[in-house]
Amino acid sequence: MGNVMFRFKRGLTQKLTLQNPLDILIDGKESIKVLPDTGTMMDIAEGSHTLKLWLISQDKEMGVVESKIDVHANSKYEVIYTYDTFATTGKVTVTVTSL
């Protein structure tokens, strides 16, 4: 069933231009894709994990973001990656919440 929900949200200005999924690499081993404005549930083992994501738009890598998550037994989590642009630069915000 899964214990971690990964979500990918886009700002209003990216709705037309950012169509590719996020690529998330867990501990350098397992890779998942999350489509824009959707979520993917994963079952991740208890412990500390490194999450690395790639944003790709129009065949160009826009950035790599690394974050950490500590998974505890019998707990569920939501990791939200939000991409927004301000003028000519973009910003990825990572929010991890316990459900």
PDB file of N, CA and C in Angstrom:
ATOM      1  N   MET A   1       0.820  -1.194   0.000  1.00  0.00           N
ATOM      2  CA  MET A   1       0.000   0.000   0.000  1.00  0.00           C
ATOM      3  C   MET A   1       0.862   1.254   0.000  1.00  0.00           C
ATOM      4  N   GLY A   2       1.973   1.265   0.699  1.00  0.00           N
ATOM      5  CA  GLY A   2       2.875   2.407   0.691  1.00  0.00           C
ATOM      6  C   GLY A   2       2.804   3.227   1.963  1.00  0.00           C
ATOM      7  N   ASN A   3       3.929   3.841   2.311  1.00  0.00           N
ATOM      8  CA  ASN A   3       3.965   4.689   3.492  1.00  0.00           C
ATOM      9  C   ASN A   3       4.452   6.108   3.190  1.00  0.00           C
ATOM     10  N   VAL A   4       4.873   6.377   1.951  1.00  0.00           N
ATOM     11  CA  VAL A   4       5.301   7.724   1.571  1.00  0.00           C
ATOM     12  C   VAL A   4       4.626   8.120   0.262  1.00  0.00           C
ATOM     13  N   MET A   5       3.937   9.253   0.303  1.00  0.00           N
ATOM     14  CA  MET A   5       3.290   9.813  -0.887  1.00  0.00           C
ATOM     15  C   MET A   5       4.176  10.939  -1.411  1.00  0.00           C
ATOM     16  N   PHE A   6       4.594  10.836  -2.680  1.00  0.00           N
ATOM     17  CA  PHE A   6       5.369  11.877  -3.341  1.00  0.00           C
ATOM     18  C   PHE A   6       4.427  12.659  -4.243  1.00  0.00           C
ATOM     19  N   ARG A   7       4.446  13.987  -4.117  1.00  0.00           N
ATOM     20  CA  ARG A   7       3.600  14.853  -4.958  1.00  0.00           C
ATOM     21  C   ARG A   7       4.470  15.879  -5.681  1.00  0.00           C
ATOM     22  N   PHE A   8       4.028  16.261  -6.876  1.00  0.00           N
ATOM     23  CA  PHE A   8       4.725  17.255  -7.687  1.00  0.00           C
ATOM     24  C   PHE A   8       3.718  18.333  -8.067  1.00  0.00           C
ATOM     25  N   LYS A   9       3.904  19.532  -7.523  1.00  0.00           N
ATOM     26  CA  LYS A   9       3.010  20.658  -7.811  1.00  0.00           C
ATOM     27  C   LYS A   9       3.772  21.709  -8.607  1.00  0.00           C
ATOM     28  N   ARG A  10       3.035  22.342  -9.525  1.00  0.00           N
ATOM     29  CA  ARG A  10       3.610  23.407 -10.344  1.00  0.00           C
ATOM     30  C   ARG A  10       2.876  24.704 -10.090  1.00  0.00           C
ATOM     31  N   GLY A  11       3.602  25.806 -10.206  1.00  0.00           N
ATOM     32  CA  GLY A  11       2.978  27.118 -10.125  1.00  0.00           C
ATOM     33  C   GLY A  11       2.165  27.395 -11.379  1.00  0.00           C
ATOM     34  N   LEU A  12       1.376  28.445 -11.353  1.00  0.00           N
ATOM     35  CA  LEU A  12       0.501  28.771 -12.480  1.00  0.00           C
ATOM     36  C   LEU A  12       1.256  28.981 -13.790  1.00  0.00           C
ATOM     37  N   THR A  13       2.419  29.617 -13.721  1.00  0.00           N
ATOM     38  CA  THR A  13       3.152  29.903 -14.958  1.00  0.00           C
ATOM     39  C   THR A  13       3.799  28.664 -15.570  1.00  0.00           C
ATOM     40  N   GLN A  14       3.884  27.559 -14.834  1.00  0.00           N
ATOM     41  CA  GLN A  14       4.503  26.343 -15.360  1.00  0.00           C
ATOM     42  C   GLN A  14       3.495  25.348 -15.911  1.00  0.00           C
ATOM     43  N   LYS A  15       2.220  25.613 -15.803  1.00  0.00           N
ATOM     44  CA  LYS A  15       1.198  24.657 -16.229  1.00  0.00           C
ATOM     45  C   LYS A  15       1.341  24.270 -17.699  1.00  0.00           C
ATOM     46  N   LEU A  16       1.747  25.208 -18.547  1.00  0.00           N
ATOM     47  CA  LEU A  16       1.874  24.912 -19.973  1.00  0.00           C
ATOM     48  C   LEU A  16       3.276  24.458 -20.367  1.00  0.00           C
ATOM     49  N   THR A  17       4.300  24.929 -19.672  1.00  0.00           N
ATOM     50  CA  THR A  17       5.665  24.652 -20.104  1.00  0.00           C
ATOM     51  C   THR A  17       6.302  23.447 -19.423  1.00  0.00           C
ATOM     52  N   LEU A  18       5.933  23.147 -18.198  1.00  0.00           N
ATOM     53  CA  LEU A  18       6.570  22.052 -17.459  1.00  0.00           C
ATOM     54  C   LEU A  18       5.655  20.836 -17.469  1.00  0.00           C
ATOM     55  N   GLN A  19       5.885  19.945 -18.442  1.00  0.00           N
ATOM     56  CA  GLN A  19       5.024  18.772 -18.634  1.00  0.00           C
ATOM     57  C   GLN A  19       5.694  17.459 -18.234  1.00  0.00           C
ATOM     58  N   ASN A  20       7.014  17.457 -18.123  1.00  0.00           N
ATOM     59  CA  ASN A  20       7.746  16.230 -17.816  1.00  0.00           C
ATOM     60  C   ASN A  20       7.577  15.834 -16.355  1.00  0.00           C
ATOM     61  N   PRO A  21       7.669  14.540 -16.065  1.00  0.00           N
ATOM     62  CA  PRO A  21       7.588  14.102 -14.666  1.00  0.00           C
ATOM     63  C   PRO A  21       8.887  14.393 -13.922  1.00  0.00           C
ATOM     64  N   LEU A  22       8.776  14.432 -12.604  1.00  0.00           N
ATOM     65  CA  LEU A  22       9.966  14.483 -11.764  1.00  0.00           C
ATOM     66  C   LEU A  22      10.582  13.100 -11.738  1.00  0.00           C
ATOM     67  N   ASP A  23      11.892  13.030 -11.745  1.00  0.00           N
ATOM     68  CA  ASP A  23      12.608  11.781 -11.515  1.00  0.00           C
ATOM     69  C   ASP A  23      13.170  11.866 -10.108  1.00  0.00           C
ATOM     70  N   ILE A  24      12.782  10.948  -9.245  1.00  0.00           N
ATOM     71  CA  ILE A  24      13.256  10.939  -7.865  1.00  0.00           C
ATOM     72  C   ILE A  24      14.062   9.669  -7.650  1.00  0.00           C
ATOM     73  N   LEU A  25      15.280   9.847  -7.168  1.00  0.00           N
ATOM     74  CA  LEU A  25      16.175   8.733  -6.890  1.00  0.00           C
ATOM     75  C   LEU A  25      16.272   8.583  -5.372  1.00  0.00           C
ATOM     76  N   ILE A  26      15.935   7.396  -4.871  1.00  0.00           N
ATOM     77  CA  ILE A  26      15.933   7.125  -3.434  1.00  0.00           C
ATOM     78  C   ILE A  26      17.202   6.365  -3.082  1.00  0.00           C
ATOM     79  N   ASP A  27      18.042   6.977  -2.244  1.00  0.00           N
ATOM     80  CA  ASP A  27      19.303   6.377  -1.790  1.00  0.00           C
ATOM     81  C   ASP A  27      20.213   5.946  -2.933  1.00  0.00           C
ATOM     82  N   GLY A  28      20.101   6.581  -4.075  1.00  0.00           N
ATOM     83  CA  GLY A  28      20.953   6.250  -5.207  1.00  0.00           C
ATOM     84  C   GLY A  28      20.649   4.906  -5.841  1.00  0.00           C
ATOM     85  N   LYS A  29      19.515   4.291  -5.476  1.00  0.00           N
ATOM     86  CA  LYS A  29      19.206   2.943  -5.960  1.00  0.00           C
ATOM     87  C   LYS A  29      17.886   2.869  -6.711  1.00  0.00           C
ATOM     88  N   GLU A  30      16.822   3.272  -6.063  1.00  0.00           N
ATOM     89  CA  GLU A  30      15.473   3.104  -6.619  1.00  0.00           C
ATOM     90  C   GLU A  30      14.986   4.416  -7.199  1.00  0.00           C
ATOM     91  N   SER A  31      14.482   4.367  -8.425  1.00  0.00           N
ATOM     92  CA  SER A  31      14.025   5.564  -9.110  1.00  0.00           C
ATOM     93  C   SER A  31      12.516   5.504  -9.342  1.00  0.00           C
ATOM     94  N   ILE A  32      11.863   6.648  -9.132  1.00  0.00           N
ATOM     95  CA  ILE A  32      10.425   6.741  -9.412  1.00  0.00           C
ATOM     96  C   ILE A  32      10.166   8.012 -10.210  1.00  0.00           C
ATOM     97  N   LYS A  33       9.057   8.036 -10.898  1.00  0.00           N
ATOM     98  CA  LYS A  33       8.631   9.214 -11.648  1.00  0.00           C
ATOM     99  C   LYS A  33       7.295   9.685 -11.075  1.00  0.00           C
ATOM    100  N   VAL A  34       7.167  11.017 -10.956  1.00  0.00           N
ATOM    101  CA  VAL A  34       5.919  11.608 -10.481  1.00  0.00           C
ATOM    102  C   VAL A  34       5.471  12.630 -11.515  1.00  0.00           C
ATOM    103  N   LEU A  35       4.318  12.396 -12.106  1.00  0.00           N
ATOM    104  CA  LEU A  35       3.777  13.315 -13.103  1.00  0.00           C
ATOM    105  C   LEU A  35       3.342  14.624 -12.456  1.00  0.00           C
ATOM    106  N   PRO A  36       3.373  15.733 -13.214  1.00  0.00           N
ATOM    107  CA  PRO A  36       2.950  17.015 -12.656  1.00  0.00           C
ATOM    108  C   PRO A  36       1.521  16.960 -12.108  1.00  0.00           C
ATOM    109  N   ASP A  37       1.331  17.596 -10.970  1.00  0.00           N
ATOM    110  CA  ASP A  37       0.030  17.726 -10.311  1.00  0.00           C
ATOM    111  C   ASP A  37      -0.594  16.384  -9.946  1.00  0.00           C
ATOM    112  N   THR A  38       0.241  15.384  -9.698  1.00  0.00           N
ATOM    113  CA  THR A  38      -0.244  14.082  -9.256  1.00  0.00           C
ATOM    114  C   THR A  38       0.616  13.609  -8.093  1.00  0.00           C
ATOM    115  N   GLY A  39       0.346  12.394  -7.647  1.00  0.00           N
ATOM    116  CA  GLY A  39       1.132  11.803  -6.575  1.00  0.00           C
ATOM    117  C   GLY A  39       1.393  10.337  -6.844  1.00  0.00           C
ATOM    118  N   THR A  40       2.468   9.821  -6.246  1.00  0.00           N
ATOM    119  CA  THR A  40       2.837   8.416  -6.356  1.00  0.00           C
ATOM    120  C   THR A  40       3.143   7.898  -4.961  1.00  0.00           C
ATOM    121  N   MET A  41       2.504   6.807  -4.573  1.00  0.00           N
ATOM    122  CA  MET A  41       2.715   6.208  -3.257  1.00  0.00           C
ATOM    123  C   MET A  41       3.800   5.146  -3.354  1.00  0.00           C
ATOM    124  N   MET A  42       4.736   5.167  -2.398  1.00  0.00           N
ATOM    125  CA  MET A  42       5.834   4.199  -2.354  1.00  0.00           C
ATOM    126  C   MET A  42       5.920   3.603  -0.968  1.00  0.00           C
ATOM    127  N   ASP A  43       6.436   2.395  -0.891  1.00  0.00           N
ATOM    128  CA  ASP A  43       6.732   1.764   0.389  1.00  0.00           C
ATOM    129  C   ASP A  43       8.238   1.895   0.598  1.00  0.00           C
ATOM    130  N   ILE A  44       8.637   2.674   1.603  1.00  0.00           N
ATOM    131  CA  ILE A  44      10.049   2.921   1.872  1.00  0.00           C
ATOM    132  C   ILE A  44      10.375   2.365   3.255  1.00  0.00           C
ATOM    133  N   ALA A  45      11.496   1.669   3.352  1.00  0.00           N
ATOM    134  CA  ALA A  45      11.909   1.026   4.594  1.00  0.00           C
ATOM    135  C   ALA A  45      12.184   2.060   5.688  1.00  0.00           C
ATOM    136  N   GLU A  46      12.060   1.619   6.924  1.00  0.00           N
ATOM    137  CA  GLU A  46      12.345   2.456   8.085  1.00  0.00           C
ATOM    138  C   GLU A  46      13.805   2.902   8.053  1.00  0.00           C
ATOM    139  N   GLY A  47      14.055   4.146   8.457  1.00  0.00           N
ATOM    140  CA  GLY A  47      15.415   4.676   8.500  1.00  0.00           C
ATOM    141  C   GLY A  47      15.525   6.006   7.783  1.00  0.00           C
ATOM    142  N   SER A  48      16.747   6.496   7.676  1.00  0.00           N
ATOM    143  CA  SER A  48      17.030   7.768   7.023  1.00  0.00           C
ATOM    144  C   SER A  48      17.332   7.519   5.544  1.00  0.00           C
ATOM    145  N   HIS A  49      16.754   8.339   4.678  1.00  0.00           N
ATOM    146  CA  HIS A  49      16.916   8.155   3.237  1.00  0.00           C
ATOM    147  C   HIS A  49      17.229   9.487   2.562  1.00  0.00           C
ATOM    148  N   THR A  50      18.049   9.409   1.512  1.00  0.00           N
ATOM    149  CA  THR A  50      18.379  10.576   0.700  1.00  0.00           C
ATOM    150  C   THR A  50      17.530  10.536  -0.560  1.00  0.00           C
ATOM    151  N   LEU A  51      16.872  11.646  -0.840  1.00  0.00           N
ATOM    152  CA  LEU A  51      16.032  11.779  -2.029  1.00  0.00           C
ATOM    153  C   LEU A  51      16.669  12.814  -2.952  1.00  0.00           C
ATOM    154  N   LYS A  52      16.879  12.443  -4.203  1.00  0.00           N
ATOM    155  CA  LYS A  52      17.443  13.371  -5.174  1.00  0.00           C
ATOM    156  C   LYS A  52      16.480  13.441  -6.353  1.00  0.00           C
ATOM    157  N   LEU A  53      16.115  14.654  -6.746  1.00  0.00           N
ATOM    158  CA  LEU A  53      15.185  14.782  -7.869  1.00  0.00           C
ATOM    159  C   LEU A  53      15.786  15.618  -8.972  1.00  0.00           C
ATOM    160  N   TRP A  54      15.304  15.346 -10.184  1.00  0.00           N
ATOM    161  CA  TRP A  54      15.709  16.084 -11.375  1.00  0.00           C
ATOM    162  C   TRP A  54      14.480  16.725 -11.977  1.00  0.00           C
ATOM    163  N   LEU A  55      14.611  17.995 -12.325  1.00  0.00           N
ATOM    164  CA  LEU A  55      13.587  18.702 -13.086  1.00  0.00           C
ATOM    165  C   LEU A  55      14.095  18.851 -14.511  1.00  0.00           C
ATOM    166  N   ILE A  56      13.322  18.393 -15.472  1.00  0.00           N
ATOM    167  CA  ILE A  56      13.706  18.510 -16.881  1.00  0.00           C
ATOM    168  C   ILE A  56      12.556  19.183 -17.626  1.00  0.00           C
ATOM    169  N   SER A  57      12.887  20.203 -18.394  1.00  0.00           N
ATOM    170  CA  SER A  57      11.883  20.898 -19.194  1.00  0.00           C
ATOM    171  C   SER A  57      12.472  21.185 -20.564  1.00  0.00           C
ATOM    172  N   GLN A  58      11.717  20.872 -21.592  1.00  0.00           N
ATOM    173  CA  GLN A  58      12.130  21.086 -22.977  1.00  0.00           C
ATOM    174  C   GLN A  58      13.521  20.483 -23.220  1.00  0.00           C
ATOM    175  N   ASP A  59      13.705  19.236 -22.731  1.00  0.00           N
ATOM    176  CA  ASP A  59      14.941  18.469 -22.897  1.00  0.00           C
ATOM    177  C   ASP A  59      16.157  19.099 -22.226  1.00  0.00           C
ATOM    178  N   LYS A  60      15.954  20.010 -21.271  1.00  0.00           N
ATOM    179  CA  LYS A  60      17.056  20.622 -20.541  1.00  0.00           C
ATOM    180  C   LYS A  60      16.872  20.354 -19.052  1.00  0.00           C
ATOM    181  N   GLU A  61      17.978  19.977 -18.412  1.00  0.00           N
ATOM    182  CA  GLU A  61      17.926  19.790 -16.968  1.00  0.00           C
ATOM    183  C   GLU A  61      17.875  21.167 -16.311  1.00  0.00           C
ATOM    184  N   MET A  62      16.825  21.379 -15.508  1.00  0.00           N
ATOM    185  CA  MET A  62      16.640  22.674 -14.864  1.00  0.00           C
ATOM    186  C   MET A  62      17.243  22.707 -13.466  1.00  0.00           C
ATOM    187  N   GLY A  63      17.521  21.555 -12.909  1.00  0.00           N
ATOM    188  CA  GLY A  63      18.107  21.557 -11.585  1.00  0.00           C
ATOM    189  C   GLY A  63      17.988  20.222 -10.895  1.00  0.00           C
ATOM    190  N   VAL A  64      18.830  20.054  -9.890  1.00  0.00           N
ATOM    191  CA  VAL A  64      18.824  18.860  -9.070  1.00  0.00           C
ATOM    192  C   VAL A  64      18.645  19.316  -7.626  1.00  0.00           C
ATOM    193  N   VAL A  65      17.746  18.659  -6.904  1.00  0.00           N
ATOM    194  CA  VAL A  65      17.480  19.003  -5.511  1.00  0.00           C
ATOM    195  C   VAL A  65      17.659  17.748  -4.676  1.00  0.00           C
ATOM    196  N   GLU A  66      18.396  17.881  -3.581  1.00  0.00           N
ATOM    197  CA  GLU A  66      18.599  16.753  -2.679  1.00  0.00           C
ATOM    198  C   GLU A  66      17.954  17.072  -1.334  1.00  0.00           C
ATOM    199  N   SER A  67      17.243  16.089  -0.776  1.00  0.00           N
ATOM    200  CA  SER A  67      16.628  16.253   0.542  1.00  0.00           C
ATOM    201  C   SER A  67      16.720  14.931   1.286  1.00  0.00           C
ATOM    202  N   LYS A  68      16.357  14.949   2.541  1.00  0.00           N
ATOM    203  CA  LYS A  68      16.408  13.743   3.378  1.00  0.00           C
ATOM    204  C   LYS A  68      15.044  13.516   4.002  1.00  0.00           C
ATOM    205  N   ILE A  69      14.760  12.247   4.292  1.00  0.00           N
ATOM    206  CA  ILE A  69      13.534  11.890   4.996  1.00  0.00           C
ATOM    207  C   ILE A  69      13.877  10.784   5.993  1.00  0.00           C
ATOM    208  N   ASP A  70      13.346  10.910   7.197  1.00  0.00           N
ATOM    209  CA  ASP A  70      13.492   9.877   8.221  1.00  0.00           C
ATOM    210  C   ASP A  70      12.160   9.160   8.346  1.00  0.00           C
ATOM    211  N   VAL A  71      12.156   7.881   8.005  1.00  0.00           N
ATOM    212  CA  VAL A  71      10.928   7.085   8.024  1.00  0.00           C
ATOM    213  C   VAL A  71      10.910   6.247   9.301  1.00  0.00           C
ATOM    214  N   HIS A  72       9.808   6.355  10.035  1.00  0.00           N
ATOM    215  CA  HIS A  72       9.642   5.606  11.281  1.00  0.00           C
ATOM    216  C   HIS A  72       8.586   4.519  11.099  1.00  0.00           C
ATOM    217  N   ALA A  73       8.683   3.473  11.884  1.00  0.00           N
ATOM    218  CA  ALA A  73       7.742   2.350  11.805  1.00  0.00           C
ATOM    219  C   ALA A  73       6.315   2.832  12.054  1.00  0.00           C
ATOM    220  N   ASN A  74       5.379   2.258  11.320  1.00  0.00           N
ATOM    221  CA  ASN A  74       3.944   2.533  11.469  1.00  0.00           C
ATOM    222  C   ASN A  74       3.588   3.997  11.255  1.00  0.00           C
ATOM    223  N   SER A  75       4.340   4.704  10.432  1.00  0.00           N
ATOM    224  CA  SER A  75       4.063   6.109  10.135  1.00  0.00           C
ATOM    225  C   SER A  75       3.914   6.291   8.628  1.00  0.00           C
ATOM    226  N   LYS A  76       3.171   7.330   8.252  1.00  0.00           N
ATOM    227  CA  LYS A  76       2.989   7.673   6.838  1.00  0.00           C
ATOM    228  C   LYS A  76       3.438   9.111   6.637  1.00  0.00           C
ATOM    229  N   TYR A  77       3.969   9.376   5.441  1.00  0.00           N
ATOM    230  CA  TYR A  77       4.531  10.685   5.144  1.00  0.00           C
ATOM    231  C   TYR A  77       4.067  11.174   3.775  1.00  0.00           C
ATOM    232  N   GLU A  78       4.140  12.488   3.615  1.00  0.00           N
ATOM    233  CA  GLU A  78       3.867  13.108   2.327  1.00  0.00           C
ATOM    234  C   GLU A  78       5.031  14.042   2.020  1.00  0.00           C
ATOM    235  N   VAL A  79       5.632  13.859   0.836  1.00  0.00           N
ATOM    236  CA  VAL A  79       6.721  14.710   0.380  1.00  0.00           C
ATOM    237  C   VAL A  79       6.188  15.480  -0.827  1.00  0.00           C
ATOM    238  N   ILE A  80       6.139  16.802  -0.708  1.00  0.00           N
ATOM    239  CA  ILE A  80       5.607  17.641  -1.788  1.00  0.00           C
ATOM    240  C   ILE A  80       6.743  18.474  -2.372  1.00  0.00           C
ATOM    241  N   TYR A  81       6.943  18.328  -3.677  1.00  0.00           N
ATOM    242  CA  TYR A  81       7.892  19.153  -4.412  1.00  0.00           C
ATOM    243  C   TYR A  81       7.077  20.188  -5.180  1.00  0.00           C
ATOM    244  N   THR A  82       7.315  21.469  -4.891  1.00  0.00           N
ATOM    245  CA  THR A  82       6.593  22.550  -5.559  1.00  0.00           C
ATOM    246  C   THR A  82       7.592  23.380  -6.352  1.00  0.00           C
ATOM    247  N   TYR A  83       7.304  23.552  -7.642  1.00  0.00           N
ATOM    248  CA  TYR A  83       8.180  24.352  -8.500  1.00  0.00           C
ATOM    249  C   TYR A  83       7.458  25.622  -8.904  1.00  0.00           C
ATOM    250  N   ASP A  84       8.087  26.758  -8.644  1.00  0.00           N
ATOM    251  CA  ASP A  84       7.562  28.064  -9.008  1.00  0.00           C
ATOM    252  C   ASP A  84       8.676  28.902  -9.616  1.00  0.00           C
ATOM    253  N   THR A  85       8.321  29.832 -10.484  1.00  0.00           N
ATOM    254  CA  THR A  85       9.310  30.750 -11.030  1.00  0.00           C
ATOM    255  C   THR A  85       9.025  32.163 -10.543  1.00  0.00           C
ATOM    256  N   PHE A  86      10.099  32.899 -10.395  1.00  0.00           N
ATOM    257  CA  PHE A  86      10.038  34.312 -10.011  1.00  0.00           C
ATOM    258  C   PHE A  86      10.929  35.050 -10.985  1.00  0.00           C
ATOM    259  N   ALA A  87      10.316  35.854 -11.849  1.00  0.00           N
ATOM    260  CA  ALA A  87      11.037  36.570 -12.905  1.00  0.00           C
ATOM    261  C   ALA A  87      11.738  35.544 -13.795  1.00  0.00           C
ATOM    262  N   THR A  88      13.062  35.462 -13.763  1.00  0.00           N
ATOM    263  CA  THR A  88      13.767  34.540 -14.648  1.00  0.00           C
ATOM    264  C   THR A  88      14.370  33.344 -13.915  1.00  0.00           C
ATOM    265  N   THR A  89      14.126  33.219 -12.629  1.00  0.00           N
ATOM    266  CA  THR A  89      14.684  32.096 -11.878  1.00  0.00           C
ATOM    267  C   THR A  89      13.580  31.215 -11.321  1.00  0.00           C
ATOM    268  N   GLY A  90      13.900  29.945 -11.128  1.00  0.00           N
ATOM    269  CA  GLY A  90      12.940  29.001 -10.572  1.00  0.00           C
ATOM    270  C   GLY A  90      13.351  28.573  -9.181  1.00  0.00           C
ATOM    271  N   LYS A  91      12.368  28.104  -8.432  1.00  0.00           N
ATOM    272  CA  LYS A  91      12.621  27.682  -7.054  1.00  0.00           C
ATOM    273  C   LYS A  91      11.833  26.411  -6.778  1.00  0.00           C
ATOM    274  N   VAL A  92      12.504  25.414  -6.183  1.00  0.00           N
ATOM    275  CA  VAL A  92      11.850  24.183  -5.758  1.00  0.00           C
ATOM    276  C   VAL A  92      11.751  24.219  -4.238  1.00  0.00           C
ATOM    277  N   THR A  93      10.538  24.036  -3.733  1.00  0.00           N
ATOM    278  CA  THR A  93      10.304  23.950  -2.305  1.00  0.00           C
ATOM    279  C   THR A  93       9.956  22.510  -1.967  1.00  0.00           C
ATOM    280  N   VAL A  94      10.614  21.969  -0.949  1.00  0.00           N
ATOM    281  CA  VAL A  94      10.366  20.598  -0.518  1.00  0.00           C
ATOM    282  C   VAL A  94       9.692  20.656   0.848  1.00  0.00           C
ATOM    283  N   THR A  95       8.516  20.032   0.956  1.00  0.00           N
ATOM    284  CA  THR A  95       7.774  19.986   2.210  1.00  0.00           C
ATOM    285  C   THR A  95       7.543  18.534   2.583  1.00  0.00           C
ATOM    286  N   VAL A  96       7.979  18.150   3.781  1.00  0.00           N
ATOM    287  CA  VAL A  96       7.769  16.790   4.270  1.00  0.00           C
ATOM    288  C   VAL A  96       6.863  16.869   5.490  1.00  0.00           C
ATOM    289  N   THR A  97       5.741  16.157   5.448  1.00  0.00           N
ATOM    290  CA  THR A  97       4.819  16.144   6.576  1.00  0.00           C
ATOM    291  C   THR A  97       4.504  14.710   6.971  1.00  0.00           C
ATOM    292  N   SER A  98       4.239  14.527   8.240  1.00  0.00           N
ATOM    293  CA  SER A  98       3.831  13.240   8.757  1.00  0.00           C
ATOM    294  C   SER A  98       2.313  13.194   8.768  1.00  0.00           C
ATOM    295  N   LEU A  99       1.731  12.128   8.253  1.00  0.00           N
ATOM    296  CA  LEU A  99       0.274  12.022   8.171  1.00  0.00           C
ATOM    297  C   LEU A  99      -0.280  11.235   9.329  1.00  0.00           C
TER     298      LEU A  99
END
